[in-house]
């Protein structure tokens, strides 16, 4: 069974490797929408796969590292594309919650990525 938990954070960034004149070259911000998916067996006694509170407690400190920050100033996010941000988040969350199986990260309501640790 796969369960999911939603998070959001606000961050600023710029993309240093895009051509001059590209709208993402300058500093701008996004309200990122993050959905994390966790796979496991249903615990028949408890009636759940995982406790959502445990997920929140593990993930919130990681979200705090990027919330209201300039992402370019964070080690590993010097070129903070949505793809790089998802990998950065995956590497930190997977260490805390090994049942993580998928990330969906949207930087706008219509643009985002899915990452499955591959």
N, C-alpha and C. Protein backbone atom coordinates (compact mmCIF):
# COMPACT_ATOMS: atom_id res chain seq x y z
N UNK A 1 0.85 -1.17 0.00
CA UNK A 1 0.00 0.00 0.00
C UNK A 1 0.90 1.24 0.00
N UNK A 2 0.45 2.28 -0.66
CA UNK A 2 1.21 3.53 -0.71
C UNK A 2 0.36 4.63 -0.08
N UNK A 3 0.97 5.34 0.86
CA UNK A 3 0.31 6.50 1.48
C UNK A 3 1.06 7.75 1.06
N UNK A 4 0.44 8.91 1.24
CA UNK A 4 1.11 10.15 0.86
C UNK A 4 0.89 11.22 1.91
N UNK A 5 1.81 12.18 1.93
CA UNK A 5 1.75 13.32 2.86
C UNK A 5 2.18 14.55 2.08
N UNK A 6 1.42 15.64 2.24
CA UNK A 6 1.69 16.88 1.53
C UNK A 6 2.41 17.88 2.43
N UNK A 7 3.32 18.63 1.81
CA UNK A 7 4.04 19.72 2.47
C UNK A 7 4.12 20.88 1.49
N UNK A 8 4.39 22.06 1.99
CA UNK A 8 4.68 23.20 1.11
C UNK A 8 5.75 24.05 1.77
N UNK A 9 6.48 24.77 0.93
CA UNK A 9 7.48 25.71 1.43
C UNK A 9 7.68 26.80 0.40
N UNK A 10 8.11 27.94 0.88
CA UNK A 10 8.37 29.10 0.02
C UNK A 10 9.87 29.36 -0.01
N UNK A 11 10.41 29.48 -1.21
CA UNK A 11 11.84 29.69 -1.37
C UNK A 11 12.11 30.59 -2.56
N UNK A 12 13.27 31.24 -2.50
CA UNK A 12 13.76 32.01 -3.64
C UNK A 12 14.92 31.26 -4.27
N UNK A 13 15.13 31.51 -5.54
CA UNK A 13 16.28 30.92 -6.22
C UNK A 13 16.50 31.64 -7.54
N UNK A 14 17.62 31.32 -8.16
CA UNK A 14 17.89 31.72 -9.54
C UNK A 14 18.63 30.56 -10.18
N UNK A 15 18.54 30.48 -11.49
CA UNK A 15 19.20 29.39 -12.21
C UNK A 15 20.42 29.95 -12.92
N UNK A 16 21.61 29.72 -12.37
CA UNK A 16 22.82 30.34 -12.90
C UNK A 16 23.27 29.81 -14.26
N UNK A 17 22.78 28.66 -14.67
CA UNK A 17 23.28 28.04 -15.90
C UNK A 17 22.38 28.27 -17.11
N UNK A 18 21.26 28.96 -16.93
CA UNK A 18 20.40 29.25 -18.08
C UNK A 18 20.99 30.43 -18.85
N UNK A 19 20.64 30.59 -20.12
CA UNK A 19 21.21 31.69 -20.92
C UNK A 19 20.79 33.06 -20.39
N UNK A 20 21.62 34.04 -20.69
CA UNK A 20 21.28 35.43 -20.36
C UNK A 20 19.93 35.76 -20.97
N UNK A 21 19.13 36.50 -20.26
CA UNK A 21 17.82 36.88 -20.75
C UNK A 21 16.71 35.92 -20.37
N UNK A 22 17.06 34.71 -19.92
CA UNK A 22 16.04 33.74 -19.49
C UNK A 22 15.39 34.26 -18.22
N UNK A 23 14.07 34.12 -18.10
CA UNK A 23 13.36 34.68 -16.96
C UNK A 23 13.77 34.06 -15.62
N UNK A 24 14.35 32.88 -15.64
CA UNK A 24 14.77 32.24 -14.39
C UNK A 24 16.20 32.59 -13.99
N UNK A 25 16.87 33.43 -14.79
CA UNK A 25 18.24 33.83 -14.48
C UNK A 25 18.27 34.73 -13.24
N UNK A 26 17.26 35.56 -13.07
CA UNK A 26 17.19 36.46 -11.92
C UNK A 26 16.54 35.79 -10.72
N UNK A 27 16.77 36.38 -9.57
CA UNK A 27 16.18 35.85 -8.34
C UNK A 27 14.66 35.98 -8.41
N UNK A 28 13.99 34.90 -8.08
CA UNK A 28 12.54 34.87 -8.03
C UNK A 28 12.13 33.79 -7.03
N UNK A 29 10.86 33.74 -6.71
CA UNK A 29 10.42 32.80 -5.69
C UNK A 29 9.30 31.90 -6.17
N UNK A 30 9.10 30.84 -5.42
CA UNK A 30 8.02 29.88 -5.67
C UNK A 30 7.44 29.44 -4.34
N UNK A 31 6.18 29.07 -4.38
CA UNK A 31 5.58 28.29 -3.31
C UNK A 31 5.59 26.85 -3.81
N UNK A 32 6.53 26.08 -3.30
CA UNK A 32 6.68 24.70 -3.72
C UNK A 32 5.64 23.83 -3.02
N UNK A 33 5.09 22.89 -3.77
CA UNK A 33 4.15 21.90 -3.23
C UNK A 33 4.82 20.54 -3.36
N UNK A 34 4.97 19.89 -2.23
CA UNK A 34 5.69 18.63 -2.16
C UNK A 34 4.73 17.54 -1.69
N UNK A 35 4.67 16.45 -2.43
CA UNK A 35 3.93 15.28 -1.99
C UNK A 35 4.92 14.13 -1.89
N UNK A 36 4.93 13.51 -0.74
CA UNK A 36 5.82 12.38 -0.48
C UNK A 36 4.97 11.11 -0.41
N UNK A 37 5.47 10.06 -1.01
CA UNK A 37 4.77 8.77 -1.04
C UNK A 37 5.62 7.74 -0.30
N UNK A 38 4.95 6.93 0.51
CA UNK A 38 5.63 5.92 1.32
C UNK A 38 4.94 4.58 1.10
N UNK A 39 5.74 3.55 0.90
CA UNK A 39 5.20 2.23 0.62
C UNK A 39 5.48 1.29 1.78
N UNK A 40 4.47 0.54 2.14
CA UNK A 40 4.64 -0.43 3.21
C UNK A 40 3.41 -1.31 3.32
N UNK A 41 3.49 -2.23 4.23
CA UNK A 41 2.37 -3.13 4.47
C UNK A 41 1.43 -2.51 5.51
N UNK A 42 0.18 -2.76 5.31
CA UNK A 42 -0.83 -2.31 6.26
C UNK A 42 -0.68 -3.10 7.56
N UNK A 43 -0.50 -2.40 8.65
CA UNK A 43 -0.47 -3.02 9.97
C UNK A 43 -1.93 -3.26 10.37
N UNK A 44 -2.34 -4.51 10.35
CA UNK A 44 -3.76 -4.82 10.61
C UNK A 44 -4.20 -4.45 12.01
N UNK A 45 -3.29 -4.50 12.96
CA UNK A 45 -3.67 -4.15 14.33
C UNK A 45 -3.87 -2.64 14.47
N UNK A 46 -2.91 -1.86 13.95
CA UNK A 46 -3.02 -0.40 14.05
C UNK A 46 -3.95 0.18 12.98
N UNK A 47 -4.03 -0.51 11.84
CA UNK A 47 -4.89 -0.05 10.77
C UNK A 47 -4.26 0.98 9.86
N UNK A 48 -2.93 1.08 9.88
CA UNK A 48 -2.24 2.04 9.01
C UNK A 48 -0.92 1.48 8.52
N UNK A 49 -0.37 2.12 7.52
CA UNK A 49 0.96 1.78 7.00
C UNK A 49 2.02 2.45 7.86
N UNK A 50 1.82 3.73 8.11
CA UNK A 50 2.73 4.52 8.94
C UNK A 50 1.91 5.59 9.64
N UNK A 51 2.43 6.08 10.73
CA UNK A 51 1.80 7.18 11.45
C UNK A 51 2.17 8.49 10.74
N UNK A 52 1.17 9.24 10.28
CA UNK A 52 1.43 10.50 9.60
C UNK A 52 2.20 11.48 10.48
N UNK A 53 1.99 11.41 11.79
CA UNK A 53 2.73 12.29 12.71
C UNK A 53 4.22 11.97 12.68
N UNK A 54 4.57 10.71 12.61
CA UNK A 54 5.99 10.33 12.52
C UNK A 54 6.62 10.87 11.24
N UNK A 55 5.87 10.83 10.14
CA UNK A 55 6.37 11.38 8.88
C UNK A 55 6.61 12.87 9.03
N UNK A 56 5.62 13.57 9.56
CA UNK A 56 5.73 15.02 9.73
C UNK A 56 6.93 15.39 10.61
N UNK A 57 7.12 14.67 11.70
CA UNK A 57 8.23 14.97 12.60
C UNK A 57 9.59 14.70 11.95
N UNK A 58 9.66 13.73 11.06
CA UNK A 58 10.92 13.44 10.36
C UNK A 58 11.19 14.44 9.25
N UNK A 59 10.15 14.88 8.56
CA UNK A 59 10.32 15.71 7.36
C UNK A 59 10.39 17.20 7.67
N UNK A 60 9.65 17.67 8.66
CA UNK A 60 9.62 19.12 8.93
C UNK A 60 11.00 19.75 9.12
N UNK A 61 11.94 19.13 9.84
CA UNK A 61 13.26 19.76 9.96
C UNK A 61 13.98 19.90 8.61
N UNK A 62 13.72 19.01 7.69
CA UNK A 62 14.32 19.10 6.35
C UNK A 62 13.67 20.23 5.57
N UNK A 63 12.35 20.35 5.66
CA UNK A 63 11.64 21.44 5.00
C UNK A 63 12.11 22.78 5.55
N UNK A 64 12.35 22.86 6.84
CA UNK A 64 12.82 24.11 7.44
C UNK A 64 14.15 24.57 6.85
N UNK A 65 14.95 23.65 6.35
CA UNK A 65 16.24 24.01 5.73
C UNK A 65 16.06 24.79 4.44
N UNK A 66 14.92 24.63 3.77
CA UNK A 66 14.69 25.30 2.48
C UNK A 66 13.59 26.36 2.54
N UNK A 67 12.79 26.35 3.59
CA UNK A 67 11.67 27.28 3.68
C UNK A 67 12.16 28.70 3.96
N UNK A 68 11.70 29.64 3.14
CA UNK A 68 12.08 31.05 3.24
C UNK A 68 13.59 31.24 3.18
N UNK A 69 14.22 30.50 2.27
CA UNK A 69 15.66 30.59 2.06
C UNK A 69 15.94 30.86 0.59
N UNK A 70 17.14 31.38 0.32
CA UNK A 70 17.66 31.46 -1.04
C UNK A 70 18.33 30.12 -1.30
N UNK A 71 17.73 29.30 -2.12
CA UNK A 71 18.19 27.92 -2.30
C UNK A 71 19.63 27.84 -2.80
N UNK A 72 20.05 28.79 -3.61
CA UNK A 72 21.41 28.78 -4.16
C UNK A 72 22.47 28.80 -3.06
N UNK A 73 22.14 29.25 -1.87
CA UNK A 73 23.09 29.34 -0.76
C UNK A 73 23.20 28.04 0.03
N UNK A 74 22.45 27.03 -0.34
CA UNK A 74 22.45 25.75 0.38
C UNK A 74 23.36 24.77 -0.36
N UNK A 75 24.26 24.14 0.38
CA UNK A 75 25.19 23.18 -0.22
C UNK A 75 24.41 22.09 -0.96
N UNK A 76 24.78 21.87 -2.21
CA UNK A 76 24.11 20.89 -3.05
C UNK A 76 23.00 21.48 -3.91
N UNK A 77 22.65 22.74 -3.66
CA UNK A 77 21.58 23.38 -4.44
C UNK A 77 22.09 24.65 -5.13
N UNK A 78 23.32 24.64 -5.53
CA UNK A 78 23.88 25.81 -6.20
C UNK A 78 23.20 26.08 -7.55
N UNK A 79 22.67 25.04 -8.18
CA UNK A 79 21.88 25.17 -9.41
C UNK A 79 20.50 24.56 -9.12
N UNK A 80 19.65 25.29 -8.39
CA UNK A 80 18.44 24.70 -7.82
C UNK A 80 17.26 24.58 -8.78
N UNK A 81 17.42 23.71 -9.77
CA UNK A 81 16.28 23.37 -10.62
C UNK A 81 15.31 22.52 -9.80
N UNK A 82 14.12 22.39 -10.27
CA UNK A 82 13.14 21.56 -9.58
C UNK A 82 13.67 20.13 -9.44
N UNK A 83 14.34 19.66 -10.48
CA UNK A 83 14.91 18.32 -10.46
C UNK A 83 15.97 18.18 -9.36
N UNK A 84 16.87 19.15 -9.27
CA UNK A 84 17.92 19.09 -8.25
C UNK A 84 17.35 19.22 -6.84
N UNK A 85 16.33 20.05 -6.68
CA UNK A 85 15.69 20.19 -5.37
C UNK A 85 15.06 18.87 -4.95
N UNK A 86 14.39 18.19 -5.88
CA UNK A 86 13.75 16.91 -5.56
C UNK A 86 14.79 15.87 -5.14
N UNK A 87 15.91 15.81 -5.84
CA UNK A 87 16.97 14.86 -5.48
C UNK A 87 17.54 15.20 -4.11
N UNK A 88 17.76 16.49 -3.86
CA UNK A 88 18.29 16.96 -2.57
C UNK A 88 17.34 16.54 -1.45
N UNK A 89 16.04 16.77 -1.64
CA UNK A 89 15.05 16.39 -0.63
C UNK A 89 15.01 14.87 -0.45
N UNK A 90 15.00 14.15 -1.56
CA UNK A 90 14.98 12.68 -1.51
C UNK A 90 16.12 12.15 -0.65
N UNK A 91 17.33 12.62 -0.91
CA UNK A 91 18.50 12.10 -0.20
C UNK A 91 18.39 12.31 1.31
N UNK A 92 17.79 13.38 1.73
CA UNK A 92 17.67 13.66 3.16
C UNK A 92 16.47 12.94 3.78
N UNK A 93 15.36 12.90 3.07
CA UNK A 93 14.16 12.27 3.62
C UNK A 93 14.31 10.75 3.65
N UNK A 94 14.88 10.18 2.61
CA UNK A 94 15.04 8.72 2.53
C UNK A 94 15.87 8.20 3.70
N UNK A 95 16.86 8.98 4.14
CA UNK A 95 17.66 8.59 5.31
C UNK A 95 16.82 8.52 6.58
N UNK A 96 15.82 9.39 6.68
CA UNK A 96 14.98 9.46 7.88
C UNK A 96 13.78 8.52 7.81
N UNK A 97 13.23 8.36 6.60
CA UNK A 97 12.04 7.53 6.42
C UNK A 97 12.28 6.61 5.22
N UNK A 98 12.87 5.44 5.46
CA UNK A 98 13.28 4.58 4.35
C UNK A 98 12.13 4.07 3.47
N UNK A 99 10.90 4.16 3.93
CA UNK A 99 9.76 3.72 3.13
C UNK A 99 9.43 4.69 2.00
N UNK A 100 10.12 5.82 1.92
CA UNK A 100 9.89 6.79 0.85
C UNK A 100 10.06 6.09 -0.50
N UNK A 101 9.07 6.26 -1.39
CA UNK A 101 9.16 5.60 -2.70
C UNK A 101 8.97 6.57 -3.86
N UNK A 102 8.49 7.78 -3.60
CA UNK A 102 8.24 8.73 -4.69
C UNK A 102 8.10 10.13 -4.11
N UNK A 103 8.57 11.10 -4.90
CA UNK A 103 8.40 12.52 -4.58
C UNK A 103 7.73 13.18 -5.77
N UNK A 104 6.76 14.02 -5.49
CA UNK A 104 6.21 14.95 -6.49
C UNK A 104 6.49 16.35 -5.96
N UNK A 105 7.16 17.15 -6.78
CA UNK A 105 7.50 18.52 -6.39
C UNK A 105 7.04 19.46 -7.48
N UNK A 106 6.16 20.38 -7.12
CA UNK A 106 5.65 21.39 -8.05
C UNK A 106 6.20 22.74 -7.65
N UNK A 107 6.76 23.46 -8.64
CA UNK A 107 7.21 24.83 -8.37
C UNK A 107 6.15 25.85 -8.77
N UNK A 108 5.21 25.45 -9.60
CA UNK A 108 4.03 26.24 -9.92
C UNK A 108 2.85 25.28 -9.93
N UNK A 109 1.63 25.79 -9.99
CA UNK A 109 0.50 24.86 -10.03
C UNK A 109 0.50 23.93 -11.25
N UNK A 110 1.23 24.29 -12.31
CA UNK A 110 1.20 23.49 -13.53
C UNK A 110 2.54 22.87 -13.91
N UNK A 111 3.59 23.09 -13.13
CA UNK A 111 4.92 22.60 -13.50
C UNK A 111 5.58 21.92 -12.31
N UNK A 112 5.96 20.66 -12.52
CA UNK A 112 6.61 19.93 -11.46
C UNK A 112 7.27 18.67 -11.98
N UNK A 113 7.79 17.90 -11.06
CA UNK A 113 8.50 16.67 -11.41
C UNK A 113 8.08 15.54 -10.48
N UNK A 114 8.34 14.33 -10.92
CA UNK A 114 8.18 13.13 -10.11
C UNK A 114 9.55 12.47 -10.05
N UNK A 115 9.98 12.12 -8.85
CA UNK A 115 11.28 11.46 -8.68
C UNK A 115 11.07 10.22 -7.83
N UNK A 116 11.67 9.12 -8.28
CA UNK A 116 11.53 7.84 -7.59
C UNK A 116 12.88 7.26 -7.19
N UNK A 117 13.86 8.12 -7.04
CA UNK A 117 15.15 7.67 -6.55
C UNK A 117 15.99 6.89 -7.53
N UNK A 118 15.70 7.02 -8.79
CA UNK A 118 16.44 6.26 -9.80
C UNK A 118 17.58 7.09 -10.35
